[in-house]
C-alpha atoms as a PDB file:
ATOM      1  CA  MET A   1       0.000   0.000   0.000  1.00  0.00           C
ATOM      2  CA  GLU A   2       2.951   2.354   0.489  1.00  0.00           C
ATOM      3  CA  ASN A   3       3.752   2.513  -3.242  1.00  0.00           C
ATOM      4  CA  PHE A   4       0.197   3.660  -3.942  1.00  0.00           C
ATOM      5  CA  ALA A   5       0.491   6.501  -1.423  1.00  0.00           C
ATOM      6  CA  LYS A   6       3.687   7.793  -3.056  1.00  0.00           C
ATOM      7  CA  LYS A   7       1.966   8.165  -6.438  1.00  0.00           C
ATOM      8  CA  ARG A   8      -0.749  10.511  -5.222  1.00  0.00           C
ATOM      9  CA  GLY A   9      -0.567  14.305  -5.327  1.00  0.00           C
ATOM     10  CA  GLY A  10       2.553  16.329  -5.779  1.00  0.00           C
ATOM     11  CA  ARG A  11       3.746  18.657  -8.502  1.00  0.00           C
ATOM     12  CA  ARG A  12       2.839  17.729 -12.078  1.00  0.00           C
ATOM     13  CA  PRO A  13       3.519  19.554 -15.339  1.00  0.00           C
ATOM     14  CA  GLY A  14       0.456  21.495 -16.473  1.00  0.00           C
ATOM     15  CA  ALA A  15      -1.312  21.154 -13.126  1.00  0.00           C
ATOM     16  CA  GLY A  16      -2.775  24.040 -11.155  1.00  0.00           C
ATOM     17  CA  ARG A  17      -4.577  27.203 -12.118  1.00  0.00           C
ATOM     18  CA  LYS A  18      -3.588  28.907 -15.318  1.00  0.00           C
ATOM     19  CA  LYS A  19      -2.418  32.523 -15.149  1.00  0.00           C
ATOM     20  CA  SER A  20      -5.063  35.035 -16.126  1.00  0.00           C
ATOM     21  CA  THR A  21      -4.953  38.653 -17.261  1.00  0.00           C
ATOM     22  CA  VAL A  22      -8.324  39.493 -15.723  1.00  0.00           C
ATOM     23  CA  LYS A  23      -9.204  40.521 -12.182  1.00  0.00           C
ATOM     24  CA  ARG A  24     -12.600  39.821 -10.637  1.00  0.00           C
ATOM     25  CA  TYR A  25     -14.300  42.650  -8.727  1.00  0.00           C
ATOM     26  CA  GLY A  26     -17.447  42.645  -6.665  1.00  0.00           C
ATOM     27  CA  PHE A  27     -19.366  45.669  -5.460  1.00  0.00           C
ATOM     28  CA  ASN A  28     -22.675  46.605  -3.908  1.00  0.00           C
ATOM     29  CA  ALA A  29     -24.838  48.367  -6.483  1.00  0.00           C
ATOM     30  CA  PRO A  30     -27.404  50.888  -5.218  1.00  0.00           C
ATOM     31  CA  ALA A  31     -30.950  50.613  -6.582  1.00  0.00           C
ATOM     32  CA  PRO A  32     -30.502  53.140  -9.449  1.00  0.00           C
ATOM     33  CA  VAL A  33     -27.346  51.358 -10.641  1.00  0.00           C
ATOM     34  CA  HIS A  34     -29.058  47.981 -10.370  1.00  0.00           C
ATOM     35  CA  ALA A  35     -31.949  49.282 -12.481  1.00  0.00           C
ATOM     36  CA  VAL A  36     -29.550  50.326 -15.253  1.00  0.00           C
ATOM     37  CA  LEU A  37     -27.544  47.090 -15.153  1.00  0.00           C
ATOM     38  CA  GLN A  38     -30.713  45.018 -15.485  1.00  0.00           C
ATOM     39  CA  GLN A  39     -31.430  46.693 -18.835  1.00  0.00           C
ATOM     40  CA  VAL A  40     -28.130  45.905 -20.600  1.00  0.00           C
ATOM     41  CA  ASP A  41     -27.251  42.728 -22.496  1.00  0.00           C
ATOM     42  CA  SER A  42     -23.741  42.274 -21.080  1.00  0.00           C
ATOM     43  CA  ILE A  43     -23.165  43.738 -17.625  1.00  0.00           C
ATOM     44  CA  THR A  44     -19.411  43.084 -17.777  1.00  0.00           C
ATOM     45  CA  ASP A  45     -18.995  44.823 -21.134  1.00  0.00           C
ATOM     46  CA  PHE A  46     -21.163  47.740 -19.988  1.00  0.00           C
ATOM     47  CA  ILE A  47     -19.201  48.254 -16.756  1.00  0.00           C
ATOM     48  CA  CYS A  48     -15.815  47.957 -18.503  1.00  0.00           C
ATOM     49  CA  GLU A  49     -16.844  50.474 -21.172  1.00  0.00           C
ATOM     50  CA  ALA A  50     -18.229  52.895 -18.550  1.00  0.00           C
ATOM     51  CA  VAL A  51     -15.104  52.672 -16.375  1.00  0.00           C
ATOM     52  CA  LEU A  52     -12.769  53.236 -19.340  1.00  0.00           C
ATOM     53  CA  LYS A  53     -14.812  56.209 -20.590  1.00  0.00           C
ATOM     54  CA  HIS A  54     -14.908  57.766 -17.120  1.00  0.00           C
ATOM     55  CA  GLY A  55     -11.187  57.105 -16.709  1.00  0.00           C
ATOM     56  CA  GLN A  56     -10.449  58.900 -19.994  1.00  0.00           C
ATOM     57  CA  ASP A  57     -12.625  61.838 -18.947  1.00  0.00           C
ATOM     58  CA  LYS A  58     -10.655  62.073 -15.697  1.00  0.00           C
ATOM     59  CA  GLY A  59      -7.280  61.646 -17.454  1.00  0.00           C
ATOM     60  CA  LEU A  60      -6.539  58.309 -15.807  1.00  0.00           C
ATOM     61  CA  CYS A  61      -5.925  56.369 -19.010  1.00  0.00           C
END
């Protein structure tokens, strides 16, 4: 039984989580924001576009 135990687990090529270029955010949306987000097709795309536009307006990007 000892040989079986030595074959389990450990480092393996290709194992583990792959690196990602995205970062997940969570936030509490007030009622007016929730109402807007419920009307769009893709909430992620809408939020990303809004943040980038606001960032450009503020000179952040």
